[in-house]
Amino acid sequence: MPEISRFLGIIIRMYLREHAPPHFHAEYGEYEITVDIRTGVVTW
């Protein structure tokens, strides 16, 4: 899994060739969110 950034215990990852729309994942401990790059909509 490509890790883009790590700060304050938060890991930001982006997966190539994953489903549309373009998005990234942010993980903190047992929590994870997905952020749509185009709209900024956050889902968990």
PDB file of N, CA and C in Angstrom:
ATOM      1  N   MET A   1       0.846  -1.183   0.000  1.00  0.00           N
ATOM      2  CA  MET A   1       0.000   0.000   0.000  1.00  0.00           C
ATOM      3  C   MET A   1       0.887   1.240   0.000  1.00  0.00           C
ATOM      4  N   PRO A   2       0.744   2.095  -0.982  1.00  0.00           N
ATOM      5  CA  PRO A   2       1.569   3.294  -1.050  1.00  0.00           C
ATOM      6  C   PRO A   2       1.202   4.298   0.039  1.00  0.00           C
ATOM      7  N   GLU A   3       2.146   4.605   0.871  1.00  0.00           N
ATOM      8  CA  GLU A   3       1.944   5.578   1.942  1.00  0.00           C
ATOM      9  C   GLU A   3       2.426   6.934   1.455  1.00  0.00           C
ATOM     10  N   ILE A   4       1.538   7.916   1.493  1.00  0.00           N
ATOM     11  CA  ILE A   4       1.883   9.258   1.020  1.00  0.00           C
ATOM     12  C   ILE A   4       2.473  10.090   2.141  1.00  0.00           C
ATOM     13  N   SER A   5       1.880   9.969   3.342  1.00  0.00           N
ATOM     14  CA  SER A   5       2.316  10.789   4.465  1.00  0.00           C
ATOM     15  C   SER A   5       1.985  10.098   5.781  1.00  0.00           C
ATOM     16  N   ARG A   6       2.743  10.467   6.808  1.00  0.00           N
ATOM     17  CA  ARG A   6       2.491   9.976   8.163  1.00  0.00           C
ATOM     18  C   ARG A   6       2.799  11.128   9.119  1.00  0.00           C
ATOM     19  N   PHE A   7       1.809  11.513   9.938  1.00  0.00           N
ATOM     20  CA  PHE A   7       2.015  12.594  10.898  1.00  0.00           C
ATOM     21  C   PHE A   7       1.051  12.428  12.061  1.00  0.00           C
ATOM     22  N   LEU A   8       1.511  12.691  13.256  1.00  0.00           N
ATOM     23  CA  LEU A   8       0.709  12.620  14.481  1.00  0.00           C
ATOM     24  C   LEU A   8      -0.084  11.311  14.588  1.00  0.00           C
ATOM     25  N   GLY A   9       0.480  10.222  14.079  1.00  0.00           N
ATOM     26  CA  GLY A   9      -0.189   8.927  14.131  1.00  0.00           C
ATOM     27  C   GLY A   9      -1.190   8.684  13.021  1.00  0.00           C
ATOM     28  N   ILE A  10      -1.362   9.653  12.119  1.00  0.00           N
ATOM     29  CA  ILE A  10      -2.295   9.515  10.993  1.00  0.00           C
ATOM     30  C   ILE A  10      -1.505   9.067   9.766  1.00  0.00           C
ATOM     31  N   ILE A  11      -2.016   8.052   9.067  1.00  0.00           N
ATOM     32  CA  ILE A  11      -1.359   7.542   7.865  1.00  0.00           C
ATOM     33  C   ILE A  11      -2.268   7.839   6.668  1.00  0.00           C
ATOM     34  N   ILE A  12      -1.708   8.482   5.653  1.00  0.00           N
ATOM     35  CA  ILE A  12      -2.441   8.815   4.434  1.00  0.00           C
ATOM     36  C   ILE A  12      -1.955   7.874   3.340  1.00  0.00           C
ATOM     37  N   ARG A  13      -2.906   7.167   2.707  1.00  0.00           N
ATOM     38  CA  ARG A  13      -2.564   6.216   1.654  1.00  0.00           C
ATOM     39  C   ARG A  13      -3.440   6.435   0.431  1.00  0.00           C
ATOM     40  N   MET A  14      -2.866   6.119  -0.730  1.00  0.00           N
ATOM     41  CA  MET A  14      -3.599   6.175  -1.983  1.00  0.00           C
ATOM     42  C   MET A  14      -3.292   4.895  -2.735  1.00  0.00           C
ATOM     43  N   TYR A  15      -4.321   4.245  -3.246  1.00  0.00           N
ATOM     44  CA  TYR A  15      -4.154   2.983  -3.949  1.00  0.00           C
ATOM     45  C   TYR A  15      -4.308   3.207  -5.451  1.00  0.00           C
ATOM     46  N   LEU A  16      -3.349   2.742  -6.228  1.00  0.00           N
ATOM     47  CA  LEU A  16      -3.426   2.866  -7.684  1.00  0.00           C
ATOM     48  C   LEU A  16      -4.403   1.834  -8.226  1.00  0.00           C
ATOM     49  N   ARG A  17      -5.106   2.209  -9.252  1.00  0.00           N
ATOM     50  CA  ARG A  17      -6.045   1.328  -9.952  1.00  0.00           C
ATOM     51  C   ARG A  17      -7.181   0.825  -9.061  1.00  0.00           C
ATOM     52  N   GLU A  18      -7.513   1.560  -8.036  1.00  0.00           N
ATOM     53  CA  GLU A  18      -8.668   1.221  -7.208  1.00  0.00           C
ATOM     54  C   GLU A  18      -9.911   1.852  -7.840  1.00  0.00           C
ATOM     55  N   HIS A  19     -11.061   1.521  -7.356  1.00  0.00           N
ATOM     56  CA  HIS A  19     -12.321   1.982  -7.922  1.00  0.00           C
ATOM     57  C   HIS A  19     -12.431   3.504  -7.974  1.00  0.00           C
ATOM     58  N   ALA A  20     -13.261   3.986  -8.909  1.00  0.00           N
ATOM     59  CA  ALA A  20     -13.542   5.430  -9.022  1.00  0.00           C
ATOM     60  C   ALA A  20     -14.535   5.810  -7.935  1.00  0.00           C
ATOM     61  N   PRO A  21     -14.666   7.049  -7.548  1.00  0.00           N
ATOM     62  CA  PRO A  21     -13.924   8.232  -7.960  1.00  0.00           C
ATOM     63  C   PRO A  21     -12.556   8.282  -7.274  1.00  0.00           C
ATOM     64  N   PRO A  22     -11.642   9.150  -7.770  1.00  0.00           N
ATOM     65  CA  PRO A  22     -10.326   9.273  -7.146  1.00  0.00           C
ATOM     66  C   PRO A  22     -10.476   9.654  -5.666  1.00  0.00           C
ATOM     67  N   HIS A  23      -9.733   8.971  -4.807  1.00  0.00           N
ATOM     68  CA  HIS A  23      -9.855   9.218  -3.373  1.00  0.00           C
ATOM     69  C   HIS A  23      -8.585   8.780  -2.647  1.00  0.00           C
ATOM     70  N   PHE A  24      -8.490   9.150  -1.372  1.00  0.00           N
ATOM     71  CA  PHE A  24      -7.399   8.649  -0.538  1.00  0.00           C
ATOM     72  C   PHE A  24      -7.973   8.174   0.785  1.00  0.00           C
ATOM     73  N   HIS A  25      -7.185   7.398   1.494  1.00  0.00           N
ATOM     74  CA  HIS A  25      -7.588   6.847   2.783  1.00  0.00           C
ATOM     75  C   HIS A  25      -6.733   7.475   3.871  1.00  0.00           C
ATOM     76  N   ALA A  26      -7.326   7.774   5.006  1.00  0.00           N
ATOM     77  CA  ALA A  26      -6.604   8.255   6.173  1.00  0.00           C
ATOM     78  C   ALA A  26      -6.917   7.294   7.316  1.00  0.00           C
ATOM     79  N   GLU A  27      -5.864   6.803   7.989  1.00  0.00           N
ATOM     80  CA  GLU A  27      -6.027   5.861   9.082  1.00  0.00           C
ATOM     81  C   GLU A  27      -5.416   6.429  10.355  1.00  0.00           C
ATOM     82  N   TYR A  28      -6.109   6.187  11.452  1.00  0.00           N
ATOM     83  CA  TYR A  28      -5.604   6.591  12.762  1.00  0.00           C
ATOM     84  C   TYR A  28      -6.011   5.491  13.736  1.00  0.00           C
ATOM     85  N   GLY A  29      -5.045   4.659  14.115  1.00  0.00           N
ATOM     86  CA  GLY A  29      -5.366   3.527  14.976  1.00  0.00           C
ATOM     87  C   GLY A  29      -6.352   2.605  14.288  1.00  0.00           C
ATOM     88  N   GLU A  30      -7.481   2.353  14.935  1.00  0.00           N
ATOM     89  CA  GLU A  30      -8.494   1.460  14.364  1.00  0.00           C
ATOM     90  C   GLU A  30      -9.491   2.191  13.467  1.00  0.00           C
ATOM     91  N   TYR A  31      -9.344   3.505  13.312  1.00  0.00           N
ATOM     92  CA  TYR A  31     -10.275   4.299  12.516  1.00  0.00           C
ATOM     93  C   TYR A  31      -9.744   4.501  11.104  1.00  0.00           C
ATOM     94  N   GLU A  32     -10.665   4.573  10.141  1.00  0.00           N
ATOM     95  CA  GLU A  32     -10.277   4.843   8.758  1.00  0.00           C
ATOM     96  C   GLU A  32     -11.379   5.643   8.071  1.00  0.00           C
ATOM     97  N   ILE A  33     -10.950   6.629   7.286  1.00  0.00           N
ATOM     98  CA  ILE A  33     -11.896   7.386   6.473  1.00  0.00           C
ATOM     99  C   ILE A  33     -11.414   7.361   5.027  1.00  0.00           C
ATOM    100  N   THR A  34     -12.332   7.670   4.119  1.00  0.00           N
ATOM    101  CA  THR A  34     -12.016   7.828   2.709  1.00  0.00           C
ATOM    102  C   THR A  34     -12.443   9.237   2.317  1.00  0.00           C
ATOM    103  N   VAL A  35     -11.583   9.931   1.584  1.00  0.00           N
ATOM    104  CA  VAL A  35     -11.871  11.303   1.169  1.00  0.00           C
ATOM    105  C   VAL A  35     -11.875  11.362  -0.352  1.00  0.00           C
ATOM    106  N   ASP A  36     -12.994  11.781  -0.933  1.00  0.00           N
ATOM    107  CA  ASP A  36     -13.120  11.959  -2.369  1.00  0.00           C
ATOM    108  C   ASP A  36     -12.315  13.205  -2.760  1.00  0.00           C
ATOM    109  N   ILE A  37     -11.370  13.049  -3.655  1.00  0.00           N
ATOM    110  CA  ILE A  37     -10.487  14.154  -4.020  1.00  0.00           C
ATOM    111  C   ILE A  37     -11.235  15.269  -4.739  1.00  0.00           C
ATOM    112  N   ARG A  38     -12.189  14.938  -5.569  1.00  0.00           N
ATOM    113  CA  ARG A  38     -12.907  15.954  -6.354  1.00  0.00           C
ATOM    114  C   ARG A  38     -13.843  16.798  -5.507  1.00  0.00           C
ATOM    115  N   THR A  39     -14.575  16.152  -4.569  1.00  0.00           N
ATOM    116  CA  THR A  39     -15.605  16.872  -3.818  1.00  0.00           C
ATOM    117  C   THR A  39     -15.216  17.169  -2.369  1.00  0.00           C
ATOM    118  N   GLY A  40     -14.253  16.434  -1.834  1.00  0.00           N
ATOM    119  CA  GLY A  40     -13.887  16.596  -0.427  1.00  0.00           C
ATOM    120  C   GLY A  40     -14.827  15.851   0.514  1.00  0.00           C
ATOM    121  N   VAL A  41     -15.734  15.050  -0.019  1.00  0.00           N
ATOM    122  CA  VAL A  41     -16.686  14.286   0.817  1.00  0.00           C
ATOM    123  C   VAL A  41     -15.941  13.193   1.563  1.00  0.00           C
ATOM    124  N   VAL A  42     -16.200  13.122   2.863  1.00  0.00           N
ATOM    125  CA  VAL A  42     -15.551  12.137   3.734  1.00  0.00           C
ATOM    126  C   VAL A  42     -16.547  11.041   4.067  1.00  0.00           C
ATOM    127  N   THR A  43     -16.119   9.773   3.940  1.00  0.00           N
ATOM    128  CA  THR A  43     -16.948   8.625   4.339  1.00  0.00           C
ATOM    129  C   THR A  43     -16.118   7.753   5.264  1.00  0.00           C
ATOM    130  N   TRP A  44     -16.822   7.056   6.133  1.00  0.00           N
ATOM    131  CA  TRP A  44     -16.135   6.109   7.033  1.00  0.00           C
ATOM    132  C   TRP A  44     -16.904   4.853   7.145  1.00  0.00           C
TER     133      TRP A  44
END
